[in-house]
């Protein structure tokens, strides 16, 4: 379900292992549900990938004080952010689309859909990798079951992305 660059999957095993124990800075995500997307990425990196995620308040404070904003086209800014936070990787971007679950008795139910663009800057490689990932959630078994939220769909999507699936 994810649209990944061709070389991304071929390097998935090496890339996934590179996060284990490595300091990673997750910069605020833009777009609707950006704050929730950042929390999801931090959770997946820390719990599933074993990364040493730098505190969001420390990242925000550093970006505010240094007046730096990450851009995939500005390698010197990304290097400065990585060096200033002592991070081997910097992760950021935005939530492109979130369509919540919708049920109407007169029309078929629509499952939740999430599309996120993720940039990952690697200090060792000195380059940015960009991927747009998307996932459509499942429908609840009955209309009375818990409706899928942004986090429900995004956690599965981001987990698969960082696992290289």
C-alpha atoms as a PDB file:
ATOM      1  CA  UNK A   1       0.000   0.000   0.000  1.00  0.00           C
ATOM      2  CA  UNK A   2       2.962   2.354   0.371  1.00  0.00           C
ATOM      3  CA  UNK A   3       4.522   4.256  -2.484  1.00  0.00           C
ATOM      4  CA  UNK A   4       8.236   4.045  -1.763  1.00  0.00           C
ATOM      5  CA  UNK A   5      11.228   4.906  -3.930  1.00  0.00           C
ATOM      6  CA  UNK A   6      12.705   1.899  -5.704  1.00  0.00           C
ATOM      7  CA  UNK A   7      15.934   1.825  -3.643  1.00  0.00           C
ATOM      8  CA  UNK A   8      14.076   2.235  -0.341  1.00  0.00           C
ATOM      9  CA  UNK A   9      12.907  -1.383  -0.095  1.00  0.00           C
ATOM     10  CA  UNK A  10      16.236  -2.802  -1.273  1.00  0.00           C
ATOM     11  CA  UNK A  11      17.972  -1.055   1.631  1.00  0.00           C
ATOM     12  CA  UNK A  12      15.177  -1.731   4.127  1.00  0.00           C
ATOM     13  CA  UNK A  13      17.062  -4.253   6.257  1.00  0.00           C
ATOM     14  CA  UNK A  14      20.133  -2.056   6.576  1.00  0.00           C
ATOM     15  CA  UNK A  15      18.027   1.057   7.129  1.00  0.00           C
ATOM     16  CA  UNK A  16      15.863  -0.501   9.840  1.00  0.00           C
ATOM     17  CA  UNK A  17      18.878  -1.753  11.752  1.00  0.00           C
ATOM     18  CA  UNK A  18      20.478   1.705  11.612  1.00  0.00           C
ATOM     19  CA  UNK A  19      17.865   3.136  14.000  1.00  0.00           C
ATOM     20  CA  UNK A  20      18.617   0.679  16.838  1.00  0.00           C
ATOM     21  CA  UNK A  21      20.209   2.734  19.629  1.00  0.00           C
ATOM     22  CA  UNK A  22      20.854   5.688  17.323  1.00  0.00           C
ATOM     23  CA  UNK A  23      19.890   9.218  18.405  1.00  0.00           C
ATOM     24  CA  UNK A  24      17.023  10.420  16.187  1.00  0.00           C
ATOM     25  CA  UNK A  25      15.412  13.875  16.141  1.00  0.00           C
ATOM     26  CA  UNK A  26      11.769  14.004  15.049  1.00  0.00           C
ATOM     27  CA  UNK A  27      10.899  17.530  13.944  1.00  0.00           C
ATOM     28  CA  UNK A  28       7.252  18.725  14.076  1.00  0.00           C
ATOM     29  CA  UNK A  29       5.104  17.497  11.207  1.00  0.00           C
ATOM     30  CA  UNK A  30       2.946  19.885   9.200  1.00  0.00           C
ATOM     31  CA  UNK A  31      -0.551  19.548   7.859  1.00  0.00           C
ATOM     32  CA  UNK A  32      -3.733  18.385   9.506  1.00  0.00           C
ATOM     33  CA  UNK A  33      -3.031  15.962  12.354  1.00  0.00           C
ATOM     34  CA  UNK A  34       0.681  16.882  12.219  1.00  0.00           C
ATOM     35  CA  UNK A  35       1.048  16.764  16.008  1.00  0.00           C
ATOM     36  CA  UNK A  36      -0.524  13.277  16.144  1.00  0.00           C
ATOM     37  CA  UNK A  37       1.685  12.104  13.244  1.00  0.00           C
ATOM     38  CA  UNK A  38       4.809  13.248  15.094  1.00  0.00           C
ATOM     39  CA  UNK A  39       3.685  11.338  18.191  1.00  0.00           C
ATOM     40  CA  UNK A  40       3.073   8.212  16.082  1.00  0.00           C
ATOM     41  CA  UNK A  41       6.527   8.423  14.449  1.00  0.00           C
ATOM     42  CA  UNK A  42       8.212   8.942  17.844  1.00  0.00           C
ATOM     43  CA  UNK A  43       6.338   5.974  19.301  1.00  0.00           C
ATOM     44  CA  UNK A  44       7.209   3.643  16.425  1.00  0.00           C
ATOM     45  CA  UNK A  45      10.879   4.683  16.371  1.00  0.00           C
ATOM     46  CA  UNK A  46      11.281   4.280  20.140  1.00  0.00           C
ATOM     47  CA  UNK A  47       9.198   1.163  20.774  1.00  0.00           C
ATOM     48  CA  UNK A  48       9.572  -0.855  17.579  1.00  0.00           C
ATOM     49  CA  UNK A  49      12.831   0.303  16.021  1.00  0.00           C
ATOM     50  CA  UNK A  50      14.772   0.800  19.273  1.00  0.00           C
ATOM     51  CA  UNK A  51      15.890   4.328  18.424  1.00  0.00           C
ATOM     52  CA  UNK A  52      17.045   6.767  21.077  1.00  0.00           C
ATOM     53  CA  UNK A  53      14.519   9.503  20.249  1.00  0.00           C
ATOM     54  CA  UNK A  54      15.550  12.988  21.335  1.00  0.00           C
ATOM     55  CA  UNK A  55      12.926  14.690  23.492  1.00  0.00           C
ATOM     56  CA  UNK A  56      10.402  16.662  21.408  1.00  0.00           C
ATOM     57  CA  UNK A  57      10.739  19.639  23.753  1.00  0.00           C
ATOM     58  CA  UNK A  58      14.521  19.602  23.258  1.00  0.00           C
ATOM     59  CA  UNK A  59      14.072  19.465  19.455  1.00  0.00           C
ATOM     60  CA  UNK A  60      11.493  22.267  19.502  1.00  0.00           C
ATOM     61  CA  UNK A  61      13.659  24.416  21.784  1.00  0.00           C
ATOM     62  CA  UNK A  62      16.716  23.936  19.582  1.00  0.00           C
ATOM     63  CA  UNK A  63      14.802  24.791  16.395  1.00  0.00           C
ATOM     64  CA  UNK A  64      13.268  27.874  18.046  1.00  0.00           C
ATOM     65  CA  UNK A  65      16.553  29.195  19.435  1.00  0.00           C
ATOM     66  CA  UNK A  66      18.601  28.491  16.306  1.00  0.00           C
ATOM     67  CA  UNK A  67      15.802  29.641  13.966  1.00  0.00           C
ATOM     68  CA  UNK A  68      16.344  26.622  11.735  1.00  0.00           C
ATOM     69  CA  UNK A  69      13.672  24.959   9.627  1.00  0.00           C
ATOM     70  CA  UNK A  70      14.388  21.623   7.891  1.00  0.00           C
ATOM     71  CA  UNK A  71      14.159  21.448   4.124  1.00  0.00           C
ATOM     72  CA  UNK A  72      15.062  18.495   1.900  1.00  0.00           C
ATOM     73  CA  UNK A  73      16.885  20.943  -0.378  1.00  0.00           C
ATOM     74  CA  UNK A  74      19.057  22.651   2.258  1.00  0.00           C
ATOM     75  CA  UNK A  75      21.735  20.133   3.272  1.00  0.00           C
ATOM     76  CA  UNK A  76      23.639  22.635   5.441  1.00  0.00           C
ATOM     77  CA  UNK A  77      20.567  23.306   7.622  1.00  0.00           C
ATOM     78  CA  UNK A  78      19.972  19.575   8.051  1.00  0.00           C
ATOM     79  CA  UNK A  79      23.617  19.074   8.992  1.00  0.00           C
ATOM     80  CA  UNK A  80      23.336  21.906  11.533  1.00  0.00           C
ATOM     81  CA  UNK A  81      20.184  20.390  13.058  1.00  0.00           C
ATOM     82  CA  UNK A  82      21.806  16.945  13.258  1.00  0.00           C
ATOM     83  CA  UNK A  83      24.999  18.360  14.784  1.00  0.00           C
ATOM     84  CA  UNK A  84      23.190  20.681  17.195  1.00  0.00           C
ATOM     85  CA  UNK A  85      21.000  17.885  18.532  1.00  0.00           C
ATOM     86  CA  UNK A  86      23.713  15.190  18.253  1.00  0.00           C
ATOM     87  CA  UNK A  87      21.349  13.159  16.056  1.00  0.00           C
ATOM     88  CA  UNK A  88      22.339  10.602  13.441  1.00  0.00           C
ATOM     89  CA  UNK A  89      18.968  11.052  11.713  1.00  0.00           C
ATOM     90  CA  UNK A  90      16.395  13.806  11.422  1.00  0.00           C
ATOM     91  CA  UNK A  91      12.802  12.832  10.542  1.00  0.00           C
ATOM     92  CA  UNK A  92      10.099  15.302   9.472  1.00  0.00           C
ATOM     93  CA  UNK A  93       7.503  16.279   6.871  1.00  0.00           C
ATOM     94  CA  UNK A  94       3.711  16.404   6.853  1.00  0.00           C
ATOM     95  CA  UNK A  95       0.346  14.709   6.847  1.00  0.00           C
ATOM     96  CA  UNK A  96      -0.914  15.086   3.293  1.00  0.00           C
ATOM     97  CA  UNK A  97      -4.406  13.736   3.824  1.00  0.00           C
ATOM     98  CA  UNK A  98      -6.622  12.236   6.488  1.00  0.00           C
ATOM     99  CA  UNK A  99     -10.133  11.124   5.663  1.00  0.00           C
ATOM    100  CA  UNK A 100     -11.958   9.921   8.773  1.00  0.00           C
ATOM    101  CA  UNK A 101     -14.272   6.927   8.886  1.00  0.00           C
ATOM    102  CA  UNK A 102     -17.723   7.869   7.649  1.00  0.00           C
ATOM    103  CA  UNK A 103     -20.991   5.997   7.964  1.00  0.00           C
ATOM    104  CA  UNK A 104     -24.262   7.001   6.399  1.00  0.00           C
ATOM    105  CA  UNK A 105     -27.230   4.652   6.249  1.00  0.00           C
ATOM    106  CA  UNK A 106     -27.947   5.649   2.636  1.00  0.00           C
ATOM    107  CA  UNK A 107     -24.431   5.107   1.282  1.00  0.00           C
ATOM    108  CA  UNK A 108     -21.658   2.549   1.781  1.00  0.00           C
ATOM    109  CA  UNK A 109     -19.364   3.226   4.730  1.00  0.00           C
ATOM    110  CA  UNK A 110     -16.018   4.840   3.964  1.00  0.00           C
ATOM    111  CA  UNK A 111     -12.963   3.532   5.874  1.00  0.00           C
ATOM    112  CA  UNK A 112     -10.402   5.945   7.322  1.00  0.00           C
ATOM    113  CA  UNK A 113      -7.521   6.875   4.991  1.00  0.00           C
ATOM    114  CA  UNK A 114      -4.139   8.395   5.898  1.00  0.00           C
ATOM    115  CA  UNK A 115      -1.387   9.707   3.589  1.00  0.00           C
ATOM    116  CA  UNK A 116       1.898  10.932   5.088  1.00  0.00           C
ATOM    117  CA  UNK A 117       5.090  12.168   3.428  1.00  0.00           C
ATOM    118  CA  UNK A 118       8.189  11.383   5.492  1.00  0.00           C
ATOM    119  CA  UNK A 119      11.687  12.812   4.998  1.00  0.00           C
ATOM    120  CA  UNK A 120      14.645  11.133   6.688  1.00  0.00           C
ATOM    121  CA  UNK A 121      18.017  12.914   6.787  1.00  0.00           C
ATOM    122  CA  UNK A 122      20.985  10.679   7.542  1.00  0.00           C
ATOM    123  CA  UNK A 123      24.137  12.335   8.871  1.00  0.00           C
ATOM    124  CA  UNK A 124      26.261   9.375   7.719  1.00  0.00           C
ATOM    125  CA  UNK A 125      24.920   9.461   4.138  1.00  0.00           C
ATOM    126  CA  UNK A 126      24.567  13.246   3.960  1.00  0.00           C
ATOM    127  CA  UNK A 127      21.325  12.992   2.034  1.00  0.00           C
ATOM    128  CA  UNK A 128      17.575  13.054   2.444  1.00  0.00           C
ATOM    129  CA  UNK A 129      15.253  10.199   1.561  1.00  0.00           C
ATOM    130  CA  UNK A 130      11.617  11.052   0.889  1.00  0.00           C
ATOM    131  CA  UNK A 131       8.670   8.678   0.739  1.00  0.00           C
ATOM    132  CA  UNK A 132       4.925   9.127   0.621  1.00  0.00           C
ATOM    133  CA  UNK A 133       3.082   6.363   2.409  1.00  0.00           C
ATOM    134  CA  UNK A 134      -0.637   5.738   2.564  1.00  0.00           C
ATOM    135  CA  UNK A 135      -3.030   3.316   4.144  1.00  0.00           C
ATOM    136  CA  UNK A 136      -6.728   2.759   4.248  1.00  0.00           C
ATOM    137  CA  UNK A 137      -8.049   1.398   7.511  1.00  0.00           C
ATOM    138  CA  UNK A 138     -10.602  -1.329   7.877  1.00  0.00           C
ATOM    139  CA  UNK A 139     -14.266  -0.880   8.598  1.00  0.00           C
ATOM    140  CA  UNK A 140     -15.549  -1.608  12.095  1.00  0.00           C
ATOM    141  CA  UNK A 141     -17.320  -4.957  12.375  1.00  0.00           C
ATOM    142  CA  UNK A 142     -20.560  -3.233  13.389  1.00  0.00           C
ATOM    143  CA  UNK A 143     -21.602   0.408  13.498  1.00  0.00           C
ATOM    144  CA  UNK A 144     -21.426   0.266  17.306  1.00  0.00           C
ATOM    145  CA  UNK A 145     -17.762  -0.797  17.438  1.00  0.00           C
ATOM    146  CA  UNK A 146     -14.976   1.746  18.007  1.00  0.00           C
ATOM    147  CA  UNK A 147     -14.492   3.867  14.920  1.00  0.00           C
ATOM    148  CA  UNK A 148     -10.895   3.861  13.603  1.00  0.00           C
ATOM    149  CA  UNK A 149      -8.975   7.040  14.393  1.00  0.00           C
ATOM    150  CA  UNK A 150      -6.014   8.741  12.762  1.00  0.00           C
ATOM    151  CA  UNK A 151      -3.660   7.041  15.240  1.00  0.00           C
ATOM    152  CA  UNK A 152      -5.128   3.578  14.554  1.00  0.00           C
ATOM    153  CA  UNK A 153      -4.399   3.802  10.837  1.00  0.00           C
ATOM    154  CA  UNK A 154      -1.162   5.823  11.092  1.00  0.00           C
ATOM    155  CA  UNK A 155       0.540   3.481  13.603  1.00  0.00           C
ATOM    156  CA  UNK A 156       0.137   0.512  11.261  1.00  0.00           C
ATOM    157  CA  UNK A 157       1.263   2.616   8.288  1.00  0.00           C
ATOM    158  CA  UNK A 158       4.362   4.077   9.964  1.00  0.00           C
ATOM    159  CA  UNK A 159       5.299   0.702  11.525  1.00  0.00           C
ATOM    160  CA  UNK A 160       5.300  -0.953   8.106  1.00  0.00           C
ATOM    161  CA  UNK A 161       7.258   1.947   6.641  1.00  0.00           C
ATOM    162  CA  UNK A 162      10.109   1.818   9.149  1.00  0.00           C
ATOM    163  CA  UNK A 163      10.132  -1.989   9.119  1.00  0.00           C
ATOM    164  CA  UNK A 164      10.709  -1.800   5.340  1.00  0.00           C
ATOM    165  CA  UNK A 165       7.583  -3.668   4.279  1.00  0.00           C
END
